[in-house]
Each structure stands twice: as structure tokens, then as C-alpha cells.
Amino acid sequence: MWAIIGILFTGAIISLFEIPPLVKKKWWREIVIYLLLLSAGITLAILLSKDVTIPTPLDWIMKIFSPVTSFFDRNLS
């Protein structure tokens, strides 16, 4: 519980320093991207604090290229 509150508090503090200059410059697309990346980071941090296993991108790459690798192993060896 305290870890989640700490993560959210840290994200809020970071946003308080980063968003006002972007609003002043009227960089709306950058604000949207910033908020998307910050929310993704906060979500991953909360999941890690709750000991949820998060699959790595390597797992997806292995699932995609495993048939291709076995095809080349069969045909080239």
C-alpha cells in the first residue's frame, strides 16, 4: 500500500516540475506523449511493487521467430 502511494506521489511530483513548461510553450502533443509514457512507467512500477511477473519482449520475439528458426534448422542442416 505504501509503495503504491510512494510511486504515485513521485509521479505527481515529477509531473509538477515537467508539465508547466510544456503548457507554457503550448506543446500539446508532447504533453500527451509525456503523460502516456509516465502512466506506463507508473503502471509498471506498481506492478513490480506487487510482485507481478511482467513478460519481457524477448518472450514475444522467441514465440514469433521459433517457427522460423526451426524451419531453417530443418532445411539447412
PDB file of N, CA and C in Angstrom:
ATOM      1  N   MET A   1       0.814  -1.193   0.000  1.00  0.00           N
ATOM      2  CA  MET A   1       0.000   0.000   0.000  1.00  0.00           C
ATOM      3  C   MET A   1       0.858   1.258   0.000  1.00  0.00           C
ATOM      4  N   TRP A   2       1.866   1.286   0.903  1.00  0.00           N
ATOM      5  CA  TRP A   2       2.716   2.462   0.974  1.00  0.00           C
ATOM      6  C   TRP A   2       3.597   2.593  -0.264  1.00  0.00           C
ATOM      7  N   ALA A   3       3.955   1.474  -0.855  1.00  0.00           N
ATOM      8  CA  ALA A   3       4.766   1.530  -2.074  1.00  0.00           C
ATOM      9  C   ALA A   3       3.980   2.170  -3.208  1.00  0.00           C
ATOM     10  N   ILE A   4       2.719   1.828  -3.323  1.00  0.00           N
ATOM     11  CA  ILE A   4       1.878   2.398  -4.380  1.00  0.00           C
ATOM     12  C   ILE A   4       1.691   3.899  -4.151  1.00  0.00           C
ATOM     13  N   ILE A   5       1.457   4.282  -2.912  1.00  0.00           N
ATOM     14  CA  ILE A   5       1.307   5.702  -2.606  1.00  0.00           C
ATOM     15  C   ILE A   5       2.606   6.453  -2.909  1.00  0.00           C
ATOM     16  N   GLY A   6       3.734   5.855  -2.589  1.00  0.00           N
ATOM     17  CA  GLY A   6       5.030   6.475  -2.886  1.00  0.00           C
ATOM     18  C   GLY A   6       5.270   6.619  -4.376  1.00  0.00           C
ATOM     19  N   ILE A   7       4.905   5.615  -5.137  1.00  0.00           N
ATOM     20  CA  ILE A   7       5.074   5.671  -6.588  1.00  0.00           C
ATOM     21  C   ILE A   7       4.188   6.749  -7.186  1.00  0.00           C
ATOM     22  N   LEU A   8       2.936   6.805  -6.758  1.00  0.00           N
ATOM     23  CA  LEU A   8       2.022   7.832  -7.272  1.00  0.00           C
ATOM     24  C   LEU A   8       2.467   9.233  -6.861  1.00  0.00           C
ATOM     25  N   PHE A   9       2.960   9.377  -5.637  1.00  0.00           N
ATOM     26  CA  PHE A   9       3.445  10.670  -5.164  1.00  0.00           C
ATOM     27  C   PHE A   9       4.663  11.114  -5.971  1.00  0.00           C
ATOM     28  N   THR A  10       5.562  10.196  -6.237  1.00  0.00           N
ATOM     29  CA  THR A  10       6.745  10.524  -7.043  1.00  0.00           C
ATOM     30  C   THR A  10       6.345  10.941  -8.451  1.00  0.00           C
ATOM     31  N   GLY A  11       5.410  10.228  -9.042  1.00  0.00           N
ATOM     32  CA  GLY A  11       4.923  10.602 -10.372  1.00  0.00           C
ATOM     33  C   GLY A  11       4.272  11.969 -10.382  1.00  0.00           C
ATOM     34  N   ALA A  12       3.528  12.290  -9.324  1.00  0.00           N
ATOM     35  CA  ALA A  12       2.883  13.603  -9.238  1.00  0.00           C
ATOM     36  C   ALA A  12       3.916  14.716  -9.089  1.00  0.00           C
ATOM     37  N   ILE A  13       4.938  14.486  -8.282  1.00  0.00           N
ATOM     38  CA  ILE A  13       5.989  15.492  -8.101  1.00  0.00           C
ATOM     39  C   ILE A  13       6.751  15.725  -9.408  1.00  0.00           C
ATOM     40  N   ILE A  14       7.061  14.657 -10.108  1.00  0.00           N
ATOM     41  CA  ILE A  14       7.746  14.792 -11.392  1.00  0.00           C
ATOM     42  C   ILE A  14       6.882  15.567 -12.371  1.00  0.00           C
ATOM     43  N   SER A  15       5.588  15.280 -12.382  1.00  0.00           N
ATOM     44  CA  SER A  15       4.675  15.983 -13.297  1.00  0.00           C
ATOM     45  C   SER A  15       4.577  17.467 -12.966  1.00  0.00           C
ATOM     46  N   LEU A  16       4.608  17.796 -11.682  1.00  0.00           N
ATOM     47  CA  LEU A  16       4.524  19.206 -11.299  1.00  0.00           C
ATOM     48  C   LEU A  16       5.711  20.018 -11.819  1.00  0.00           C
ATOM     49  N   PHE A  17       6.856  19.377 -11.971  1.00  0.00           N
ATOM     50  CA  PHE A  17       8.026  20.077 -12.492  1.00  0.00           C
ATOM     51  C   PHE A  17       8.110  20.051 -14.015  1.00  0.00           C
ATOM     52  N   GLU A  18       7.575  19.029 -14.641  1.00  0.00           N
ATOM     53  CA  GLU A  18       7.751  18.848 -16.073  1.00  0.00           C
ATOM     54  C   GLU A  18       6.622  19.421 -16.930  1.00  0.00           C
ATOM     55  N   ILE A  19       5.387  19.378 -16.469  1.00  0.00           N
ATOM     56  CA  ILE A  19       4.257  19.775 -17.312  1.00  0.00           C
ATOM     57  C   ILE A  19       4.102  21.292 -17.474  1.00  0.00           C
ATOM     58  N   PRO A  20       4.269  22.107 -16.432  1.00  0.00           N
ATOM     59  CA  PRO A  20       4.054  23.555 -16.624  1.00  0.00           C
ATOM     60  C   PRO A  20       4.890  24.208 -17.737  1.00  0.00           C
ATOM     61  N   PRO A  21       6.178  23.877 -17.899  1.00  0.00           N
ATOM     62  CA  PRO A  21       6.889  24.476 -19.040  1.00  0.00           C
ATOM     63  C   PRO A  21       6.323  24.042 -20.399  1.00  0.00           C
ATOM     64  N   LEU A  22       5.818  22.817 -20.469  1.00  0.00           N
ATOM     65  CA  LEU A  22       5.227  22.345 -21.717  1.00  0.00           C
ATOM     66  C   LEU A  22       3.917  23.071 -22.013  1.00  0.00           C
ATOM     67  N   VAL A  23       3.132  23.333 -20.978  1.00  0.00           N
ATOM     68  CA  VAL A  23       1.878  24.060 -21.165  1.00  0.00           C
ATOM     69  C   VAL A  23       2.173  25.497 -21.569  1.00  0.00           C
ATOM     70  N   LYS A  24       3.206  26.085 -20.951  1.00  0.00           N
ATOM     71  CA  LYS A  24       3.576  27.466 -21.268  1.00  0.00           C
ATOM     72  C   LYS A  24       3.987  27.610 -22.733  1.00  0.00           C
ATOM     73  N   LYS A  25       4.669  26.602 -23.264  1.00  0.00           N
ATOM     74  CA  LYS A  25       5.087  26.618 -24.664  1.00  0.00           C
ATOM     75  C   LYS A  25       3.985  26.122 -25.605  1.00  0.00           C
ATOM     76  N   LYS A  26       2.890  25.613 -25.028  1.00  0.00           N
ATOM     77  CA  LYS A  26       1.756  25.064 -25.776  1.00  0.00           C
ATOM     78  C   LYS A  26       2.161  23.883 -26.656  1.00  0.00           C
ATOM     79  N   TRP A  27       2.938  23.003 -26.088  1.00  0.00           N
ATOM     80  CA  TRP A  27       3.358  21.781 -26.772  1.00  0.00           C
ATOM     81  C   TRP A  27       2.407  20.662 -26.362  1.00  0.00           C
ATOM     82  N   TRP A  28       1.222  20.649 -26.958  1.00  0.00           N
ATOM     83  CA  TRP A  28       0.164  19.731 -26.543  1.00  0.00           C
ATOM     84  C   TRP A  28       0.485  18.283 -26.889  1.00  0.00           C
ATOM     85  N   ARG A  29       1.069  18.039 -28.052  1.00  0.00           N
ATOM     86  CA  ARG A  29       1.398  16.654 -28.413  1.00  0.00           C
ATOM     87  C   ARG A  29       2.447  16.071 -27.467  1.00  0.00           C
ATOM     88  N   GLU A  30       3.421  16.905 -27.084  1.00  0.00           N
ATOM     89  CA  GLU A  30       4.449  16.441 -26.162  1.00  0.00           C
ATOM     90  C   GLU A  30       3.866  16.134 -24.789  1.00  0.00           C
ATOM     91  N   ILE A  31       2.863  16.923 -24.383  1.00  0.00           N
ATOM     92  CA  ILE A  31       2.211  16.660 -23.103  1.00  0.00           C
ATOM     93  C   ILE A  31       1.490  15.324 -23.137  1.00  0.00           C
ATOM     94  N   VAL A  32       0.813  15.041 -24.232  1.00  0.00           N
ATOM     95  CA  VAL A  32       0.093  13.767 -24.354  1.00  0.00           C
ATOM     96  C   VAL A  32       1.071  12.596 -24.325  1.00  0.00           C
ATOM     97  N   ILE A  33       2.148  12.689 -25.081  1.00  0.00           N
ATOM     98  CA  ILE A  33       3.154  11.621 -25.098  1.00  0.00           C
ATOM     99  C   ILE A  33       3.792  11.470 -23.722  1.00  0.00           C
ATOM    100  N   TYR A  34       4.102  12.605 -23.088  1.00  0.00           N
ATOM    101  CA  TYR A  34       4.688  12.576 -21.745  1.00  0.00           C
ATOM    102  C   TYR A  34       3.761  11.851 -20.769  1.00  0.00           C
ATOM    103  N   LEU A  35       2.487  12.187 -20.802  1.00  0.00           N
ATOM    104  CA  LEU A  35       1.542  11.555 -19.884  1.00  0.00           C
ATOM    105  C   LEU A  35       1.360  10.065 -20.178  1.00  0.00           C
ATOM    106  N   LEU A  36       1.381   9.695 -21.458  1.00  0.00           N
ATOM    107  CA  LEU A  36       1.288   8.276 -21.804  1.00  0.00           C
ATOM    108  C   LEU A  36       2.497   7.499 -21.284  1.00  0.00           C
ATOM    109  N   LEU A  37       3.691   8.040 -21.493  1.00  0.00           N
ATOM    110  CA  LEU A  37       4.896   7.346 -21.027  1.00  0.00           C
ATOM    111  C   LEU A  37       4.975   7.326 -19.504  1.00  0.00           C
ATOM    112  N   LEU A  38       4.575   8.427 -18.862  1.00  0.00           N
ATOM    113  CA  LEU A  38       4.592   8.461 -17.404  1.00  0.00           C
ATOM    114  C   LEU A  38       3.595   7.469 -16.820  1.00  0.00           C
ATOM    115  N   SER A  39       2.413   7.390 -17.404  1.00  0.00           N
ATOM    116  CA  SER A  39       1.423   6.434 -16.893  1.00  0.00           C
ATOM    117  C   SER A  39       1.870   4.989 -17.131  1.00  0.00           C
ATOM    118  N   ALA A  40       2.525   4.729 -18.258  1.00  0.00           N
ATOM    119  CA  ALA A  40       3.052   3.378 -18.493  1.00  0.00           C
ATOM    120  C   ALA A  40       4.133   3.039 -17.473  1.00  0.00           C
ATOM    121  N   GLY A  41       5.004   3.991 -17.193  1.00  0.00           N
ATOM    122  CA  GLY A  41       6.055   3.760 -16.206  1.00  0.00           C
ATOM    123  C   GLY A  41       5.505   3.564 -14.811  1.00  0.00           C
ATOM    124  N   ILE A  42       4.515   4.368 -14.442  1.00  0.00           N
ATOM    125  CA  ILE A  42       3.906   4.222 -13.120  1.00  0.00           C
ATOM    126  C   ILE A  42       3.190   2.882 -13.014  1.00  0.00           C
ATOM    127  N   THR A  43       2.509   2.482 -14.078  1.00  0.00           N
ATOM    128  CA  THR A  43       1.816   1.194 -14.067  1.00  0.00           C
ATOM    129  C   THR A  43       2.800   0.035 -13.895  1.00  0.00           C
ATOM    130  N   LEU A  44       3.907   0.079 -14.632  1.00  0.00           N
ATOM    131  CA  LEU A  44       4.918  -0.978 -14.496  1.00  0.00           C
ATOM    132  C   LEU A  44       5.538  -0.969 -13.112  1.00  0.00           C
ATOM    133  N   ALA A  45       5.777   0.200 -12.557  1.00  0.00           N
ATOM    134  CA  ALA A  45       6.356   0.279 -11.222  1.00  0.00           C
ATOM    135  C   ALA A  45       5.403  -0.287 -10.174  1.00  0.00           C
ATOM    136  N   ILE A  46       4.124   0.008 -10.302  1.00  0.00           N
ATOM    137  CA  ILE A  46       3.144  -0.540  -9.353  1.00  0.00           C
ATOM    138  C   ILE A  46       3.053  -2.059  -9.487  1.00  0.00           C
ATOM    139  N   LEU A  47       3.048  -2.548 -10.724  1.00  0.00           N
ATOM    140  CA  LEU A  47       3.006  -4.000 -10.918  1.00  0.00           C
ATOM    141  C   LEU A  47       4.247  -4.678 -10.336  1.00  0.00           C
ATOM    142  N   LEU A  48       5.407  -4.066 -10.509  1.00  0.00           N
ATOM    143  CA  LEU A  48       6.626  -4.637  -9.934  1.00  0.00           C
ATOM    144  C   LEU A  48       6.594  -4.598  -8.409  1.00  0.00           C
ATOM    145  N   SER A  49       6.001  -3.552  -7.840  1.00  0.00           N
ATOM    146  CA  SER A  49       5.924  -3.490  -6.373  1.00  0.00           C
ATOM    147  C   SER A  49       4.973  -4.539  -5.816  1.00  0.00           C
ATOM    148  N   LYS A  50       4.024  -4.997  -6.630  1.00  0.00           N
ATOM    149  CA  LYS A  50       3.085  -6.041  -6.224  1.00  0.00           C
ATOM    150  C   LYS A  50       3.581  -7.445  -6.603  1.00  0.00           C
ATOM    151  N   ASP A  51       4.806  -7.554  -7.090  1.00  0.00           N
ATOM    152  CA  ASP A  51       5.429  -8.825  -7.481  1.00  0.00           C
ATOM    153  C   ASP A  51       4.675  -9.546  -8.590  1.00  0.00           C
ATOM    154  N   VAL A  52       4.149  -8.790  -9.531  1.00  0.00           N
ATOM    155  CA  VAL A  52       3.503  -9.371 -10.701  1.00  0.00           C
ATOM    156  C   VAL A  52       4.601  -9.637 -11.738  1.00  0.00           C
ATOM    157  N   THR A  53       4.592 -10.831 -12.304  1.00  0.00           N
ATOM    158  CA  THR A  53       5.599 -11.137 -13.327  1.00  0.00           C
ATOM    159  C   THR A  53       5.210 -10.454 -14.631  1.00  0.00           C
ATOM    160  N   ILE A  54       6.134  -9.699 -15.156  1.00  0.00           N
ATOM    161  CA  ILE A  54       5.916  -8.967 -16.397  1.00  0.00           C
ATOM    162  C   ILE A  54       6.763  -9.640 -17.475  1.00  0.00           C
ATOM    163  N   PRO A  55       6.135 -10.082 -18.561  1.00  0.00           N
ATOM    164  CA  PRO A  55       6.917 -10.752 -19.600  1.00  0.00           C
ATOM    165  C   PRO A  55       7.858  -9.774 -20.302  1.00  0.00           C
ATOM    166  N   THR A  56       9.006 -10.271 -20.653  1.00  0.00           N
ATOM    167  CA  THR A  56       9.970  -9.435 -21.360  1.00  0.00           C
ATOM    168  C   THR A  56       9.666  -9.464 -22.853  1.00  0.00           C
ATOM    169  N   PRO A  57      10.123  -8.476 -23.593  1.00  0.00           N
ATOM    170  CA  PRO A  57       9.927  -8.504 -25.046  1.00  0.00           C
ATOM    171  C   PRO A  57      10.606  -9.707 -25.704  1.00  0.00           C
ATOM    172  N   LEU A  58      11.621 -10.236 -25.055  1.00  0.00           N
ATOM    173  CA  LEU A  58      12.311 -11.399 -25.606  1.00  0.00           C
ATOM    174  C   LEU A  58      11.392 -12.609 -25.691  1.00  0.00           C
ATOM    175  N   ASP A  59      10.452 -12.734 -24.763  1.00  0.00           N
ATOM    176  CA  ASP A  59       9.489 -13.845 -24.814  1.00  0.00           C
ATOM    177  C   ASP A  59       8.652 -13.780 -26.090  1.00  0.00           C
ATOM    178  N   TRP A  60       8.173 -12.586 -26.430  1.00  0.00           N
ATOM    179  CA  TRP A  60       7.379 -12.418 -27.656  1.00  0.00           C
ATOM    180  C   TRP A  60       8.228 -12.681 -28.896  1.00  0.00           C
ATOM    181  N   ILE A  61       9.462 -12.214 -28.887  1.00  0.00           N
ATOM    182  CA  ILE A  61      10.346 -12.428 -30.040  1.00  0.00           C
ATOM    183  C   ILE A  61      10.615 -13.919 -30.219  1.00  0.00           C
ATOM    184  N   MET A  62      10.830 -14.630 -29.122  1.00  0.00           N
ATOM    185  CA  MET A  62      11.080 -16.071 -29.215  1.00  0.00           C
ATOM    186  C   MET A  62       9.858 -16.802 -29.762  1.00  0.00           C
ATOM    187  N   LYS A  63       8.653 -16.403 -29.350  1.00  0.00           N
ATOM    188  CA  LYS A  63       7.446 -17.049 -29.854  1.00  0.00           C
ATOM    189  C   LYS A  63       7.258 -16.801 -31.347  1.00  0.00           C
ATOM    190  N   ILE A  64       7.616 -15.613 -31.801  1.00  0.00           N
ATOM    191  CA  ILE A  64       7.433 -15.280 -33.218  1.00  0.00           C
ATOM    192  C   ILE A  64       8.465 -15.992 -34.081  1.00  0.00           C
ATOM    193  N   PHE A  65       9.734 -15.968 -33.662  1.00  0.00           N
ATOM    194  CA  PHE A  65      10.798 -16.488 -34.510  1.00  0.00           C
ATOM    195  C   PHE A  65      11.138 -17.947 -34.278  1.00  0.00           C
ATOM    196  N   SER A  66      10.513 -18.600 -33.329  1.00  0.00           N
ATOM    197  CA  SER A  66      10.782 -20.011 -33.093  1.00  0.00           C
ATOM    198  C   SER A  66      10.421 -20.878 -34.303  1.00  0.00           C
ATOM    199  N   PRO A  67       9.262 -20.695 -34.937  1.00  0.00           N
ATOM    200  CA  PRO A  67       8.979 -21.488 -36.137  1.00  0.00           C
ATOM    201  C   PRO A  67       9.939 -21.199 -37.288  1.00  0.00           C
ATOM    202  N   VAL A  68      10.347 -19.954 -37.416  1.00  0.00           N
ATOM    203  CA  VAL A  68      11.286 -19.596 -38.482  1.00  0.00           C
ATOM    204  C   VAL A  68      12.629 -20.266 -38.239  1.00  0.00           C
ATOM    205  N   THR A  69      13.086 -20.258 -37.009  1.00  0.00           N
ATOM    206  CA  THR A  69      14.361 -20.883 -36.663  1.00  0.00           C
ATOM    207  C   THR A  69      14.307 -22.387 -36.908  1.00  0.00           C
ATOM    208  N   SER A  70      13.211 -23.033 -36.491  1.00  0.00           N
ATOM    209  CA  SER A  70      13.135 -24.477 -36.692  1.00  0.00           C
ATOM    210  C   SER A  70      13.041 -24.818 -38.177  1.00  0.00           C
ATOM    211  N   PHE A  71      12.396 -23.957 -38.969  1.00  0.00           N
ATOM    212  CA  PHE A  71      12.331 -24.172 -40.415  1.00  0.00           C
ATOM    213  C   PHE A  71      13.725 -24.162 -41.015  1.00  0.00           C
ATOM    214  N   PHE A  72      14.523 -23.155 -40.656  1.00  0.00           N
ATOM    215  CA  PHE A  72      15.876 -23.071 -41.192  1.00  0.00           C
ATOM    216  C   PHE A  72      16.752 -24.197 -40.668  1.00  0.00           C
ATOM    217  N   ASP A  73      16.560 -24.626 -39.437  1.00  0.00           N
ATOM    218  CA  ASP A  73      17.334 -25.747 -38.907  1.00  0.00           C
ATOM    219  C   ASP A  73      17.042 -27.026 -39.676  1.00  0.00           C
ATOM    220  N   ARG A  74      15.768 -27.268 -39.990  1.00  0.00           N
ATOM    221  CA  ARG A  74      15.408 -28.474 -40.734  1.00  0.00           C
ATOM    222  C   ARG A  74      15.934 -28.436 -42.152  1.00  0.00           C
ATOM    223  N   ASN A  75      15.855 -27.306 -42.814  1.00  0.00           N
ATOM    224  CA  ASN A  75      16.184 -27.240 -44.228  1.00  0.00           C
ATOM    225  C   ASN A  75      17.668 -27.002 -44.516  1.00  0.00           C
ATOM    226  N   LEU A  76      18.390 -26.422 -43.601  1.00  0.00           N
ATOM    227  CA  LEU A  76      19.788 -26.119 -43.870  1.00  0.00           C
ATOM    228  C   LEU A  76      20.770 -27.061 -43.191  1.00  0.00           C
ATOM    229  N   SER A  77      20.301 -27.954 -42.347  1.00  0.00           N
ATOM    230  CA  SER A  77      21.243 -28.842 -41.691  1.00  0.00           C
ATOM    231  C   SER A  77      21.268 -30.214 -42.312  1.00  0.00           C
TER     232      SER A  77
END
